[in-house]
Amino acid sequence: MNRDVARRIIALVATERKNSPNGLTRQDFITTIAYKRKLMDPDMIERFIQESIKESLLMEKESRIFPNFSTSGIIVPLDFQINPDQLFAENTDKPIVDRMLDAISASGKMTKKEAISRSREIMEYMKLINFEVALMAVMSEEEIDISNFLKEYTVQYNKE
């Protein structure tokens, strides 16, 4: 899933619903995305919500949906359009470091620069680890899901 586009969609819904402290409903997503903005078909929105929960962009508690990041700083252009194929495409063409940095920034817990800085600090003290492992350590400390990256890194490491 293209996390940048997904964050913009979530920010649209959250802003439309005035960042409701009670969270959002699935109907809020359908109303805003499909009917008000006409960005996506209503039948694709459930898939979008499930993928966003899987990617840790959204969390669900008691049938209410909450963004897992601050939506206030996200700027969505007026002419914003969605290509569903690009939205749901896997980003495996990008290097693992870039995708990890994207995941960190998508979480809203820190910027890419902060993550790089903290990874370098870890590498200073632990000379035997590489940048990818240090970045995963930072993600783990910030409670960002690393399971997919860990699997991919393990497969990549075992090939070498």
Protein backbone atom coordinates (compact mmCIF):
# COMPACT_ATOMS: atom_id res chain seq x y z
CA MET A 1 0.00 0.00 0.00
CA ASN A 2 1.22 3.49 -0.82
CA ARG A 3 1.39 4.89 2.72
CA ASP A 4 1.72 8.52 1.64
CA VAL A 5 -1.52 8.45 -0.34
CA ALA A 6 -3.24 6.47 2.41
CA ARG A 7 -2.21 9.07 5.01
CA ARG A 8 -3.72 11.80 2.84
CA ILE A 9 -6.99 9.90 2.50
CA ILE A 10 -7.16 9.31 6.26
CA ALA A 11 -6.39 12.99 6.90
CA LEU A 12 -9.25 13.95 4.55
CA VAL A 13 -11.73 11.84 6.48
CA ALA A 14 -10.45 12.99 9.89
CA THR A 15 -10.61 16.65 8.89
CA GLU A 16 -14.05 16.25 7.35
CA ARG A 17 -15.28 14.71 10.59
CA LYS A 18 -13.54 17.46 12.62
CA ASN A 19 -11.08 15.03 14.27
CA SER A 20 -13.86 13.46 16.32
CA PRO A 21 -12.57 12.40 19.76
CA ASN A 22 -14.94 9.42 19.55
CA GLY A 23 -13.14 8.16 16.46
CA LEU A 24 -14.46 7.49 12.99
CA THR A 25 -16.82 4.88 11.63
CA ARG A 26 -16.63 2.90 8.43
CA GLN A 27 -19.58 4.94 7.22
CA ASP A 28 -17.55 8.15 7.73
CA PHE A 29 -14.94 6.77 5.32
CA ILE A 30 -17.58 5.75 2.78
CA THR A 31 -19.40 9.09 2.97
CA THR A 32 -16.27 11.24 2.69
CA ILE A 33 -14.19 9.22 0.23
CA ALA A 34 -16.87 7.79 -2.05
CA TYR A 35 -19.68 10.30 -2.03
CA LYS A 36 -18.38 13.72 -1.04
CA ARG A 37 -14.95 13.54 -2.71
CA LYS A 38 -15.67 10.78 -5.25
CA LEU A 39 -12.14 9.44 -4.88
CA MET A 40 -12.87 5.72 -4.66
CA ASP A 41 -15.73 3.26 -5.15
CA PRO A 42 -17.60 2.42 -1.93
CA ASP A 43 -16.78 -1.29 -2.31
CA MET A 44 -13.02 -0.55 -2.20
CA ILE A 45 -13.18 1.41 1.05
CA GLU A 46 -13.41 -1.68 3.28
CA ARG A 47 -10.24 -3.00 1.65
CA PHE A 48 -8.60 0.40 2.20
CA ILE A 49 -9.54 0.35 5.90
CA GLN A 50 -8.25 -3.22 6.37
CA GLU A 51 -4.97 -2.47 4.57
CA SER A 52 -4.53 0.71 6.62
CA ILE A 53 -5.06 -1.21 9.86
CA LYS A 54 -2.56 -3.84 8.68
CA GLU A 55 -0.04 -1.07 7.84
CA SER A 56 -0.63 0.50 11.31
CA LEU A 57 -1.99 3.71 9.84
CA LEU A 58 -5.34 3.12 11.54
CA MET A 59 -6.34 1.31 14.70
CA GLU A 60 -9.75 -0.07 15.54
CA LYS A 61 -11.27 -0.10 19.02
CA GLU A 62 -14.85 -1.17 19.67
CA SER A 63 -15.92 -0.63 16.04
CA ARG A 64 -14.48 2.91 16.07
CA ILE A 65 -11.49 3.76 13.88
CA PHE A 66 -8.69 6.11 14.94
CA PRO A 67 -5.73 7.44 12.92
CA ASN A 68 -2.41 6.23 14.29
CA PHE A 69 -0.70 9.54 13.47
CA SER A 70 -1.34 13.25 13.69
CA THR A 71 -3.45 14.34 10.74
CA SER A 72 -3.07 18.06 11.39
CA GLY A 73 0.16 18.57 9.41
CA ILE A 74 -0.89 16.71 6.29
CA ILE A 75 -1.67 18.89 3.29
CA VAL A 76 -4.04 17.47 0.71
CA PRO A 77 -4.22 19.34 -2.62
CA LEU A 78 -7.64 20.38 -3.88
CA ASP A 79 -7.15 18.37 -7.08
CA PHE A 80 -6.09 15.23 -5.17
CA GLN A 81 -6.96 12.04 -7.10
CA ILE A 82 -6.47 8.36 -6.32
CA ASN A 83 -5.40 5.58 -8.63
CA PRO A 84 -6.52 2.38 -6.82
CA ASP A 85 -3.84 0.31 -8.57
CA GLN A 86 -1.10 2.57 -7.24
CA LEU A 87 -2.73 2.87 -3.82
CA PHE A 88 -2.79 -0.88 -3.21
CA ALA A 89 0.47 -1.69 -5.00
CA GLU A 90 3.34 -3.06 -2.96
CA ASN A 91 6.32 -0.73 -2.75
CA THR A 92 8.92 -3.44 -3.22
CA ASP A 93 10.67 -1.51 -5.98
CA LYS A 94 12.06 0.90 -3.38
CA PRO A 95 15.04 -0.18 -1.25
CA ILE A 96 14.23 -1.52 2.20
CA VAL A 97 15.82 1.50 3.92
CA ASP A 98 13.57 3.90 2.01
CA ARG A 99 10.49 1.86 2.86
CA MET A 100 11.47 1.72 6.54
CA LEU A 101 11.95 5.49 6.59
CA ASP A 102 8.56 5.89 4.89
CA ALA A 103 6.98 3.70 7.57
CA ILE A 104 8.60 5.77 10.31
CA SER A 105 7.38 9.06 8.88
CA ALA A 106 3.93 7.57 8.19
CA SER A 107 3.62 6.62 11.85
CA GLY A 108 3.90 10.30 12.77
CA LYS A 109 6.17 9.47 15.71
CA MET A 110 9.30 10.99 14.19
CA THR A 111 10.67 12.41 10.98
CA LYS A 112 13.02 10.63 8.61
CA LYS A 113 15.88 12.88 9.73
CA GLU A 114 15.28 12.05 13.39
CA ALA A 115 15.22 8.33 12.59
CA ILE A 116 18.48 8.55 10.63
CA SER A 117 20.10 10.49 13.45
CA ARG A 118 19.02 7.98 16.09
CA SER A 119 20.15 5.07 13.91
CA ARG A 120 23.59 6.60 13.57
CA GLU A 121 23.79 7.05 17.35
CA ILE A 122 23.02 3.35 17.80
CA MET A 123 25.65 2.42 15.22
CA GLU A 124 28.32 4.42 17.10
CA TYR A 125 27.95 2.17 20.12
CA MET A 126 27.34 -1.08 18.30
CA LYS A 127 30.00 -1.34 15.62
CA LEU A 128 28.90 -4.75 14.32
CA ILE A 129 25.43 -3.80 13.09
CA ASN A 130 24.56 -2.14 9.82
CA PHE A 131 22.24 0.78 9.15
CA GLU A 132 19.19 -1.38 8.36
CA VAL A 133 19.42 -3.18 11.72
CA ALA A 134 19.91 0.11 13.57
CA LEU A 135 16.87 1.55 11.80
CA MET A 136 14.80 -1.49 12.80
CA ALA A 137 15.97 -0.96 16.40
CA VAL A 138 14.71 2.63 16.28
CA MET A 139 11.40 1.45 14.83
CA SER A 140 11.06 -1.16 17.55
CA GLU A 141 11.79 1.41 20.28
CA GLU A 142 9.04 3.63 18.83
CA GLU A 143 6.65 0.65 18.72
CA ILE A 144 6.39 0.70 14.92
CA ASP A 145 5.71 -2.71 13.37
CA ILE A 146 8.89 -4.18 11.87
CA SER A 147 7.68 -7.72 11.15
CA ASN A 148 7.51 -7.33 7.35
CA PHE A 149 10.89 -5.58 7.19
CA LEU A 150 12.45 -8.18 9.49
CA LYS A 151 11.24 -11.04 7.29
CA GLU A 152 12.48 -9.32 4.15
CA TYR A 153 15.84 -8.44 5.72
CA THR A 154 16.30 -12.02 6.97
CA VAL A 155 15.63 -13.41 3.49
CA GLN A 156 17.97 -10.85 1.93
CA TYR A 157 20.68 -11.50 4.54
CA ASN A 158 20.50 -15.28 4.08
CA LYS A 159 21.05 -14.87 0.31
CA GLU A 160 24.33 -13.04 0.91
